[in-house]
Amino acid sequence: MEMLYLCLAAVAVVGLIEWLKNFLKEFLAIPGWAWSLVVLAASFLCGALVVFGANVGPKTPLMAVLAGLVVLAFAQIGYDSIVKAIAKKAEHVLPDEKTN
């Protein structure tokens, strides 16, 4: 069950980053390295939410950091797959919308 929460947190991180990119691109030009920092922070936040919010494992700061690192790894490894899967699904649900 813990792995499920960590995978869901990784999907949430990818979704949040993509949403922020699309929202902020109209207002700001943000360099790529800044997005790496945002992914890092979002991963640790989601990892802490898994540990303290979903009651997974001992509720310690070390466990929250370890969960954040796992979420970061899952988000980085699965980033392209998650984005492509969502775009493919969106093409069927929203045929008039441009997805790329």
PDB file of N, CA and C in Angstrom:
ATOM      1  N   MET A   1       0.822  -1.193   0.000  1.00  0.00           N
ATOM      2  CA  MET A   1       0.000   0.000   0.000  1.00  0.00           C
ATOM      3  C   MET A   1       0.871   1.265   0.000  1.00  0.00           C
ATOM      4  N   GLU A   2       2.017   1.175   0.681  1.00  0.00           N
ATOM      5  CA  GLU A   2       2.904   2.332   0.714  1.00  0.00           C
ATOM      6  C   GLU A   2       3.377   2.712  -0.685  1.00  0.00           C
ATOM      7  N   MET A   3       3.679   1.696  -1.495  1.00  0.00           N
ATOM      8  CA  MET A   3       4.181   1.946  -2.849  1.00  0.00           C
ATOM      9  C   MET A   3       3.121   2.667  -3.678  1.00  0.00           C
ATOM     10  N   LEU A   4       1.861   2.303  -3.475  1.00  0.00           N
ATOM     11  CA  LEU A   4       0.774   2.962  -4.200  1.00  0.00           C
ATOM     12  C   LEU A   4       0.746   4.451  -3.880  1.00  0.00           C
ATOM     13  N   TYR A   5       0.868   4.789  -2.613  1.00  0.00           N
ATOM     14  CA  TYR A   5       0.855   6.196  -2.217  1.00  0.00           C
ATOM     15  C   TYR A   5       2.050   6.954  -2.797  1.00  0.00           C
ATOM     16  N   LEU A   6       3.199   6.314  -2.825  1.00  0.00           N
ATOM     17  CA  LEU A   6       4.387   6.959  -3.379  1.00  0.00           C
ATOM     18  C   LEU A   6       4.243   7.173  -4.889  1.00  0.00           C
ATOM     19  N   CYS A   7       3.661   6.193  -5.580  1.00  0.00           N
ATOM     20  CA  CYS A   7       3.434   6.350  -7.024  1.00  0.00           C
ATOM     21  C   CYS A   7       2.401   7.436  -7.295  1.00  0.00           C
ATOM     22  N   LEU A   8       1.347   7.472  -6.504  1.00  0.00           N
ATOM     23  CA  LEU A   8       0.342   8.531  -6.661  1.00  0.00           C
ATOM     24  C   LEU A   8       0.943   9.902  -6.393  1.00  0.00           C
ATOM     25  N   ALA A   9       1.825   9.981  -5.422  1.00  0.00           N
ATOM     26  CA  ALA A   9       2.498  11.248  -5.136  1.00  0.00           C
ATOM     27  C   ALA A   9       3.376  11.671  -6.311  1.00  0.00           C
ATOM     28  N   ALA A  10       4.036  10.710  -6.953  1.00  0.00           N
ATOM     29  CA  ALA A  10       4.876  11.025  -8.121  1.00  0.00           C
ATOM     30  C   ALA A  10       4.013  11.539  -9.272  1.00  0.00           C
ATOM     31  N   VAL A  11       2.867  10.923  -9.493  1.00  0.00           N
ATOM     32  CA  VAL A  11       1.950  11.391 -10.539  1.00  0.00           C
ATOM     33  C   VAL A  11       1.456  12.793 -10.195  1.00  0.00           C
ATOM     34  N   ALA A  12       1.189  13.041  -8.920  1.00  0.00           N
ATOM     35  CA  ALA A  12       0.761  14.370  -8.496  1.00  0.00           C
ATOM     36  C   ALA A  12       1.850  15.410  -8.750  1.00  0.00           C
ATOM     37  N   VAL A  13       3.099  15.065  -8.494  1.00  0.00           N
ATOM     38  CA  VAL A  13       4.215  15.983  -8.743  1.00  0.00           C
ATOM     39  C   VAL A  13       4.293  16.321 -10.227  1.00  0.00           C
ATOM     40  N   VAL A  14       4.224  15.303 -11.073  1.00  0.00           N
ATOM     41  CA  VAL A  14       4.284  15.543 -12.521  1.00  0.00           C
ATOM     42  C   VAL A  14       3.106  16.407 -12.957  1.00  0.00           C
ATOM     43  N   GLY A  15       1.930  16.110 -12.461  1.00  0.00           N
ATOM     44  CA  GLY A  15       0.753  16.911 -12.817  1.00  0.00           C
ATOM     45  C   GLY A  15       0.864  18.349 -12.371  1.00  0.00           C
ATOM     46  N   LEU A  16       1.353  18.553 -11.161  1.00  0.00           N
ATOM     47  CA  LEU A  16       1.523  19.924 -10.659  1.00  0.00           C
ATOM     48  C   LEU A  16       2.550  20.699 -11.482  1.00  0.00           C
ATOM     49  N   ILE A  17       3.639  20.044 -11.830  1.00  0.00           N
ATOM     50  CA  ILE A  17       4.680  20.718 -12.610  1.00  0.00           C
ATOM     51  C   ILE A  17       4.147  21.089 -13.987  1.00  0.00           C
ATOM     52  N   GLU A  18       3.463  20.167 -14.640  1.00  0.00           N
ATOM     53  CA  GLU A  18       2.912  20.464 -15.967  1.00  0.00           C
ATOM     54  C   GLU A  18       1.883  21.585 -15.895  1.00  0.00           C
ATOM     55  N   TRP A  19       1.052  21.567 -14.862  1.00  0.00           N
ATOM     56  CA  TRP A  19       0.059  22.619 -14.697  1.00  0.00           C
ATOM     57  C   TRP A  19       0.739  23.971 -14.479  1.00  0.00           C
ATOM     58  N   LEU A  20       1.753  23.995 -13.611  1.00  0.00           N
ATOM     59  CA  LEU A  20       2.483  25.242 -13.365  1.00  0.00           C
ATOM     60  C   LEU A  20       3.172  25.752 -14.628  1.00  0.00           C
ATOM     61  N   LYS A  21       3.777  24.846 -15.396  1.00  0.00           N
ATOM     62  CA  LYS A  21       4.443  25.254 -16.637  1.00  0.00           C
ATOM     63  C   LYS A  21       3.452  25.913 -17.587  1.00  0.00           C
ATOM     64  N   ASN A  22       2.303  25.288 -17.767  1.00  0.00           N
ATOM     65  CA  ASN A  22       1.304  25.845 -18.680  1.00  0.00           C
ATOM     66  C   ASN A  22       0.718  27.150 -18.159  1.00  0.00           C
ATOM     67  N   PHE A  23       0.545  27.248 -16.858  1.00  0.00           N
ATOM     68  CA  PHE A  23      -0.031  28.454 -16.269  1.00  0.00           C
ATOM     69  C   PHE A  23       0.951  29.623 -16.308  1.00  0.00           C
ATOM     70  N   LEU A  24       2.198  29.364 -15.962  1.00  0.00           N
ATOM     71  CA  LEU A  24       3.178  30.447 -15.834  1.00  0.00           C
ATOM     72  C   LEU A  24       3.841  30.852 -17.143  1.00  0.00           C
ATOM     73  N   LYS A  25       3.734  30.024 -18.190  1.00  0.00           N
ATOM     74  CA  LYS A  25       4.410  30.368 -19.439  1.00  0.00           C
ATOM     75  C   LYS A  25       3.836  31.638 -20.068  1.00  0.00           C
ATOM     76  N   GLU A  26       2.627  32.008 -19.709  1.00  0.00           N
ATOM     77  CA  GLU A  26       2.016  33.240 -20.227  1.00  0.00           C
ATOM     78  C   GLU A  26       2.584  34.481 -19.545  1.00  0.00           C
ATOM     79  N   PHE A  27       3.117  34.311 -18.336  1.00  0.00           N
ATOM     80  CA  PHE A  27       3.550  35.460 -17.543  1.00  0.00           C
ATOM     81  C   PHE A  27       5.061  35.566 -17.389  1.00  0.00           C
ATOM     82  N   LEU A  28       5.746  34.415 -17.310  1.00  0.00           N
ATOM     83  CA  LEU A  28       7.177  34.413 -16.997  1.00  0.00           C
ATOM     84  C   LEU A  28       7.934  33.471 -17.919  1.00  0.00           C
ATOM     85  N   ALA A  29       9.183  33.781 -18.147  1.00  0.00           N
ATOM     86  CA  ALA A  29      10.089  32.861 -18.847  1.00  0.00           C
ATOM     87  C   ALA A  29      10.966  32.216 -17.774  1.00  0.00           C
ATOM     88  N   ILE A  30      10.666  30.978 -17.452  1.00  0.00           N
ATOM     89  CA  ILE A  30      11.364  30.292 -16.369  1.00  0.00           C
ATOM     90  C   ILE A  30      12.378  29.321 -16.972  1.00  0.00           C
ATOM     91  N   PRO A  31      13.647  29.424 -16.558  1.00  0.00           N
ATOM     92  CA  PRO A  31      14.673  28.528 -17.115  1.00  0.00           C
ATOM     93  C   PRO A  31      14.488  27.087 -16.634  1.00  0.00           C
ATOM     94  N   GLY A  32      15.077  26.159 -17.374  1.00  0.00           N
ATOM     95  CA  GLY A  32      14.938  24.743 -17.066  1.00  0.00           C
ATOM     96  C   GLY A  32      15.461  24.349 -15.702  1.00  0.00           C
ATOM     97  N   TRP A  33      16.566  24.960 -15.267  1.00  0.00           N
ATOM     98  CA  TRP A  33      17.123  24.589 -13.972  1.00  0.00           C
ATOM     99  C   TRP A  33      16.174  24.949 -12.832  1.00  0.00           C
ATOM    100  N   ALA A  34      15.372  25.981 -13.020  1.00  0.00           N
ATOM    101  CA  ALA A  34      14.420  26.369 -11.971  1.00  0.00           C
ATOM    102  C   ALA A  34      13.344  25.299 -11.804  1.00  0.00           C
ATOM    103  N   TRP A  35      12.949  24.677 -12.936  1.00  0.00           N
ATOM    104  CA  TRP A  35      11.946  23.613 -12.843  1.00  0.00           C
ATOM    105  C   TRP A  35      12.502  22.411 -12.082  1.00  0.00           C
ATOM    106  N   SER A  36      13.789  22.174 -12.187  1.00  0.00           N
ATOM    107  CA  SER A  36      14.406  21.084 -11.423  1.00  0.00           C
ATOM    108  C   SER A  36      14.277  21.330  -9.926  1.00  0.00           C
ATOM    109  N   LEU A  37      14.447  22.567  -9.520  1.00  0.00           N
ATOM    110  CA  LEU A  37      14.283  22.911  -8.099  1.00  0.00           C
ATOM    111  C   LEU A  37      12.829  22.780  -7.662  1.00  0.00           C
ATOM    112  N   VAL A  38      11.910  23.157  -8.547  1.00  0.00           N
ATOM    113  CA  VAL A  38      10.482  23.048  -8.222  1.00  0.00           C
ATOM    114  C   VAL A  38      10.093  21.576  -8.078  1.00  0.00           C
ATOM    115  N   VAL A  39      10.605  20.723  -8.967  1.00  0.00           N
ATOM    116  CA  VAL A  39      10.321  19.286  -8.869  1.00  0.00           C
ATOM    117  C   VAL A  39      10.868  18.730  -7.563  1.00  0.00           C
ATOM    118  N   LEU A  40      12.064  19.149  -7.191  1.00  0.00           N
ATOM    119  CA  LEU A  40      12.668  18.697  -5.937  1.00  0.00           C
ATOM    120  C   LEU A  40      11.800  19.087  -4.743  1.00  0.00           C
ATOM    121  N   ALA A  41      11.394  20.352  -4.695  1.00  0.00           N
ATOM    122  CA  ALA A  41      10.570  20.826  -3.584  1.00  0.00           C
ATOM    123  C   ALA A  41       9.211  20.131  -3.563  1.00  0.00           C
ATOM    124  N   ALA A  42       8.585  19.990  -4.724  1.00  0.00           N
ATOM    125  CA  ALA A  42       7.273  19.334  -4.784  1.00  0.00           C
ATOM    126  C   ALA A  42       7.374  17.869  -4.375  1.00  0.00           C
ATOM    127  N   SER A  43       8.469  17.214  -4.729  1.00  0.00           N
ATOM    128  CA  SER A  43       8.649  15.809  -4.357  1.00  0.00           C
ATOM    129  C   SER A  43       8.774  15.656  -2.853  1.00  0.00           C
ATOM    130  N   PHE A  44       9.553  16.525  -2.222  1.00  0.00           N
ATOM    131  CA  PHE A  44       9.689  16.442  -0.771  1.00  0.00           C
ATOM    132  C   PHE A  44       8.379  16.801  -0.067  1.00  0.00           C
ATOM    133  N   LEU A  45       7.648  17.744  -0.609  1.00  0.00           N
ATOM    134  CA  LEU A  45       6.350  18.098  -0.025  1.00  0.00           C
ATOM    135  C   LEU A  45       5.382  16.926  -0.137  1.00  0.00           C
ATOM    136  N   CYS A  46       5.297  16.318  -1.312  1.00  0.00           N
ATOM    137  CA  CYS A  46       4.402  15.173  -1.493  1.00  0.00           C
ATOM    138  C   CYS A  46       4.866  13.975  -0.673  1.00  0.00           C
ATOM    139  N   GLY A  47       6.175  13.784  -0.550  1.00  0.00           N
ATOM    140  CA  GLY A  47       6.687  12.714   0.302  1.00  0.00           C
ATOM    141  C   GLY A  47       6.301  12.916   1.760  1.00  0.00           C
ATOM    142  N   ALA A  48       6.378  14.146   2.222  1.00  0.00           N
ATOM    143  CA  ALA A  48       5.959  14.454   3.596  1.00  0.00           C
ATOM    144  C   ALA A  48       4.462  14.233   3.768  1.00  0.00           C
ATOM    145  N   LEU A  49       3.686  14.578   2.747  1.00  0.00           N
ATOM    146  CA  LEU A  49       2.245  14.340   2.819  1.00  0.00           C
ATOM    147  C   LEU A  49       1.926  12.849   2.898  1.00  0.00           C
ATOM    148  N   VAL A  50       2.686  12.042   2.172  1.00  0.00           N
ATOM    149  CA  VAL A  50       2.479  10.598   2.240  1.00  0.00           C
ATOM    150  C   VAL A  50       2.777  10.087   3.642  1.00  0.00           C
ATOM    151  N   VAL A  51       3.885  10.516   4.213  1.00  0.00           N
ATOM    152  CA  VAL A  51       4.285  10.022   5.531  1.00  0.00           C
ATOM    153  C   VAL A  51       3.358  10.536   6.627  1.00  0.00           C
ATOM    154  N   PHE A  52       3.123  11.835   6.640  1.00  0.00           N
ATOM    155  CA  PHE A  52       2.359  12.409   7.745  1.00  0.00           C
ATOM    156  C   PHE A  52       0.852  12.412   7.495  1.00  0.00           C
ATOM    157  N   GLY A  53       0.448  12.490   6.237  1.00  0.00           N
ATOM    158  CA  GLY A  53      -0.976  12.554   5.935  1.00  0.00           C
ATOM    159  C   GLY A  53      -1.620  11.201   5.726  1.00  0.00           C
ATOM    160  N   ALA A  54      -0.931  10.307   5.018  1.00  0.00           N
ATOM    161  CA  ALA A  54      -1.498   8.998   4.723  1.00  0.00           C
ATOM    162  C   ALA A  54      -1.091   7.950   5.759  1.00  0.00           C
ATOM    163  N   ASN A  55      -0.341   8.365   6.761  1.00  0.00           N
ATOM    164  CA  ASN A  55       0.057   7.482   7.849  1.00  0.00           C
ATOM    165  C   ASN A  55       0.838   6.266   7.336  1.00  0.00           C
ATOM    166  N   VAL A  56       1.793   6.527   6.458  1.00  0.00           N
ATOM    167  CA  VAL A  56       2.630   5.473   5.898  1.00  0.00           C
ATOM    168  C   VAL A  56       3.967   5.484   6.623  1.00  0.00           C
ATOM    169  N   GLY A  57       4.286   4.395   7.271  1.00  0.00           N
ATOM    170  CA  GLY A  57       5.569   4.290   7.963  1.00  0.00           C
ATOM    171  C   GLY A  57       5.617   5.158   9.209  1.00  0.00           C
ATOM    172  N   PRO A  58       6.758   5.150   9.878  1.00  0.00           N
ATOM    173  CA  PRO A  58       6.911   5.988  11.065  1.00  0.00           C
ATOM    174  C   PRO A  58       6.891   7.469  10.700  1.00  0.00           C
ATOM    175  N   LYS A  59       6.254   8.236  11.519  1.00  0.00           N
ATOM    176  CA  LYS A  59       6.137   9.677  11.257  1.00  0.00           C
ATOM    177  C   LYS A  59       7.361  10.408  11.796  1.00  0.00           C
ATOM    178  N   THR A  60       8.438  10.334  11.018  1.00  0.00           N
ATOM    179  CA  THR A  60       9.677  11.008  11.399  1.00  0.00           C
ATOM    180  C   THR A  60      10.149  11.844  10.220  1.00  0.00           C
ATOM    181  N   PRO A  61      10.918  12.888  10.495  1.00  0.00           N
ATOM    182  CA  PRO A  61      11.457  13.690   9.389  1.00  0.00           C
ATOM    183  C   PRO A  61      12.325  12.876   8.432  1.00  0.00           C
ATOM    184  N   LEU A  62      13.088  11.924   8.957  1.00  0.00           N
ATOM    185  CA  LEU A  62      13.924  11.089   8.090  1.00  0.00           C
ATOM    186  C   LEU A  62      13.063  10.275   7.127  1.00  0.00           C
ATOM    187  N   MET A  63      11.964   9.723   7.607  1.00  0.00           N
ATOM    188  CA  MET A  63      11.079   8.954   6.730  1.00  0.00           C
ATOM    189  C   MET A  63      10.445   9.864   5.682  1.00  0.00           C
ATOM    190  N   ALA A  64      10.131  11.106   6.058  1.00  0.00           N
ATOM    191  CA  ALA A  64       9.570  12.056   5.094  1.00  0.00           C
ATOM    192  C   ALA A  64      10.595  12.381   4.003  1.00  0.00           C
ATOM    193  N   VAL A  65      11.861  12.544   4.383  1.00  0.00           N
ATOM    194  CA  VAL A  65      12.916  12.811   3.399  1.00  0.00           C
ATOM    195  C   VAL A  65      13.099  11.610   2.485  1.00  0.00           C
ATOM    196  N   LEU A  66      13.123  10.417   3.050  1.00  0.00           N
ATOM    197  CA  LEU A  66      13.267   9.213   2.234  1.00  0.00           C
ATOM    198  C   LEU A  66      12.081   9.046   1.286  1.00  0.00           C
ATOM    199  N   ALA A  67      10.882   9.300   1.763  1.00  0.00           N
ATOM    200  CA  ALA A  67       9.701   9.224   0.897  1.00  0.00           C
ATOM    201  C   ALA A  67       9.794  10.269  -0.208  1.00  0.00           C
ATOM    202  N   GLY A  68      10.277  11.463   0.116  1.00  0.00           N
ATOM    203  CA  GLY A  68      10.454  12.511  -0.887  1.00  0.00           C
ATOM    204  C   GLY A  68      11.444  12.109  -1.959  1.00  0.00           C
ATOM    205  N   LEU A  69      12.519  11.435  -1.559  1.00  0.00           N
ATOM    206  CA  LEU A  69      13.509  10.960  -2.542  1.00  0.00           C
ATOM    207  C   LEU A  69      12.914   9.890  -3.449  1.00  0.00           C
ATOM    208  N   VAL A  70      12.095   9.018  -2.889  1.00  0.00           N
ATOM    209  CA  VAL A  70      11.450   7.986  -3.706  1.00  0.00           C
ATOM    210  C   VAL A  70      10.460   8.625  -4.672  1.00  0.00           C
ATOM    211  N   VAL A  71       9.698   9.589  -4.196  1.00  0.00           N
ATOM    212  CA  VAL A  71       8.755  10.298  -5.072  1.00  0.00           C
ATOM    213  C   VAL A  71       9.521  11.005  -6.183  1.00  0.00           C
ATOM    214  N   LEU A  72      10.629  11.646  -5.853  1.00  0.00           N
ATOM    215  CA  LEU A  72      11.459  12.312  -6.855  1.00  0.00           C
ATOM    216  C   LEU A  72      11.949  11.314  -7.904  1.00  0.00           C
ATOM    217  N   ALA A  73      12.421  10.154  -7.456  1.00  0.00           N
ATOM    218  CA  ALA A  73      12.906   9.133  -8.394  1.00  0.00           C
ATOM    219  C   ALA A  73      11.780   8.648  -9.303  1.00  0.00           C
ATOM    220  N   PHE A  74      10.625   8.356  -8.731  1.00  0.00           N
ATOM    221  CA  PHE A  74       9.492   7.901  -9.535  1.00  0.00           C
ATOM    222  C   PHE A  74       9.052   8.975 -10.527  1.00  0.00           C
ATOM    223  N   ALA A  75       9.025  10.213 -10.078  1.00  0.00           N
ATOM    224  CA  ALA A  75       8.589  11.309 -10.951  1.00  0.00           C
ATOM    225  C   ALA A  75       9.568  11.503 -12.106  1.00  0.00           C
ATOM    226  N   GLN A  76      10.857  11.395 -11.826  1.00  0.00           N
ATOM    227  CA  GLN A  76      11.857  11.573 -12.875  1.00  0.00           C
ATOM    228  C   GLN A  76      11.866  10.399 -13.859  1.00  0.00           C
ATOM    229  N   ILE A  77      11.763   9.202 -13.331  1.00  0.00           N
ATOM    230  CA  ILE A  77      11.774   8.017 -14.195  1.00  0.00           C
ATOM    231  C   ILE A  77      10.521   7.957 -15.057  1.00  0.00           C
ATOM    232  N   GLY A  78       9.393   8.266 -14.465  1.00  0.00           N
ATOM    233  CA  GLY A  78       8.136   8.120 -15.193  1.00  0.00           C
ATOM    234  C   GLY A  78       7.598   9.376 -15.826  1.00  0.00           C
ATOM    235  N   TYR A  79       8.369  10.469 -15.814  1.00  0.00           N
ATOM    236  CA  TYR A  79       7.870  11.763 -16.286  1.00  0.00           C
ATOM    237  C   TYR A  79       7.311  11.694 -17.707  1.00  0.00           C
ATOM    238  N   ASP A  80       8.119  11.213 -18.643  1.00  0.00           N
ATOM    239  CA  ASP A  80       7.671  11.145 -20.037  1.00  0.00           C
ATOM    240  C   ASP A  80       6.483  10.213 -20.196  1.00  0.00           C
ATOM    241  N   SER A  81       6.524   9.069 -19.530  1.00  0.00           N
ATOM    242  CA  SER A  81       5.424   8.110 -19.642  1.00  0.00           C
ATOM    243  C   SER A  81       4.121   8.688 -19.103  1.00  0.00           C
ATOM    244  N   ILE A  82       4.197   9.371 -17.985  1.00  0.00           N
ATOM    245  CA  ILE A  82       3.003   9.954 -17.377  1.00  0.00           C
ATOM    246  C   ILE A  82       2.442  11.045 -18.270  1.00  0.00           C
ATOM    247  N   VAL A  83       3.284  11.936 -18.751  1.00  0.00           N
ATOM    248  CA  VAL A  83       2.825  13.041 -19.594  1.00  0.00           C
ATOM    249  C   VAL A  83       2.227  12.514 -20.898  1.00  0.00           C
ATOM    250  N   LYS A  84       2.912  11.540 -21.520  1.00  0.00           N
ATOM    251  CA  LYS A  84       2.404  10.981 -22.775  1.00  0.00           C
ATOM    252  C   LYS A  84       1.086  10.235 -22.571  1.00  0.00           C
ATOM    253  N   ALA A  85       0.954   9.508 -21.468  1.00  0.00           N
ATOM    254  CA  ALA A  85      -0.281   8.771 -21.202  1.00  0.00           C
ATOM    255  C   ALA A  85      -1.449   9.726 -21.002  1.00  0.00           C
ATOM    256  N   ILE A  86      -1.206  10.814 -20.297  1.00  0.00           N
ATOM    257  CA  ILE A  86      -2.266  11.795 -20.066  1.00  0.00           C
ATOM    258  C   ILE A  86      -2.637  12.490 -21.369  1.00  0.00           C
ATOM    259  N   ALA A  87      -1.652  12.840 -22.187  1.00  0.00           N
ATOM    260  CA  ALA A  87      -1.928  13.497 -23.465  1.00  0.00           C
ATOM    261  C   ALA A  87      -2.699  12.567 -24.394  1.00  0.00           C
ATOM    262  N   LYS A  88      -2.344  11.293 -24.404  1.00  0.00           N
ATOM    263  CA  LYS A  88      -3.048  10.330 -25.253  1.00  0.00           C
ATOM    264  C   LYS A  88      -4.501  10.193 -24.815  1.00  0.00           C
ATOM    265  N   LYS A  89      -4.713  10.121 -23.523  1.00  0.00           N
ATOM    266  CA  LYS A  89      -6.080  10.017 -22.994  1.00  0.00           C
ATOM    267  C   LYS A  89      -6.858  11.297 -23.284  1.00  0.00           C
ATOM    268  N   ALA A  90      -6.206  12.441 -23.178  1.00  0.00           N
ATOM    269  CA  ALA A  90      -6.877  13.724 -23.412  1.00  0.00           C
ATOM    270  C   ALA A  90      -7.293  13.874 -24.873  1.00  0.00           C
ATOM    271  N   GLU A  91      -6.537  13.293 -25.789  1.00  0.00           N
ATOM    272  CA  GLU A  91      -6.899  13.371 -27.203  1.00  0.00           C
ATOM    273  C   GLU A  91      -8.237  12.685 -27.468  1.00  0.00           C
ATOM    274  N   HIS A  92      -8.510  11.613 -26.733  1.00  0.00           N
ATOM    275  CA  HIS A  92      -9.763  10.899 -26.910  1.00  0.00           C
ATOM    276  C   HIS A  92     -10.911  11.599 -26.191  1.00  0.00           C
ATOM    277  N   VAL A  93     -10.614  12.202 -25.066  1.00  0.00           N
ATOM    278  CA  VAL A  93     -11.658  12.859 -24.277  1.00  0.00           C
ATOM    279  C   VAL A  93     -11.953  14.251 -24.819  1.00  0.00           C
ATOM    280  N   LEU A  94     -10.923  14.971 -25.234  1.00  0.00           N
ATOM    281  CA  LEU A  94     -11.053  16.340 -25.721  1.00  0.00           C
ATOM    282  C   LEU A  94     -10.574  16.416 -27.164  1.00  0.00           C
ATOM    283  N   PRO A  95     -11.366  15.948 -28.106  1.00  0.00           N
ATOM    284  CA  PRO A  95     -10.880  15.903 -29.497  1.00  0.00           C
ATOM    285  C   PRO A  95     -10.614  17.273 -30.112  1.00  0.00           C
ATOM    286  N   ASP A  96     -11.216  18.315 -29.596  1.00  0.00           N
ATOM    287  CA  ASP A  96     -11.013  19.658 -30.146  1.00  0.00           C
ATOM    288  C   ASP A  96      -9.825  20.379 -29.532  1.00  0.00           C
ATOM    289  N   GLU A  97      -9.237  19.829 -28.488  1.00  0.00           N
ATOM    290  CA  GLU A  97      -8.124  20.462 -27.792  1.00  0.00           C
ATOM    291  C   GLU A  97      -6.808  20.005 -28.393  1.00  0.00           C
ATOM    292  N   LYS A  98      -5.866  20.918 -28.461  1.00  0.00           N
ATOM    293  CA  LYS A  98      -4.520  20.593 -28.944  1.00  0.00           C
ATOM    294  C   LYS A  98      -3.700  20.065 -27.785  1.00  0.00           C
ATOM    295  N   THR A  99      -3.119  18.879 -27.955  1.00  0.00           N
ATOM    296  CA  THR A  99      -2.255  18.309 -26.919  1.00  0.00           C
ATOM    297  C   THR A  99      -0.905  17.999 -27.541  1.00  0.00           C
ATOM    298  N   ASN A 100       0.154  18.384 -26.837  1.00  0.00           N
ATOM    299  CA  ASN A 100       1.509  18.079 -27.305  1.00  0.00           C
ATOM    300  C   ASN A 100       2.441  17.974 -26.155  1.00  0.00           C
TER     301      ASN A 100
END
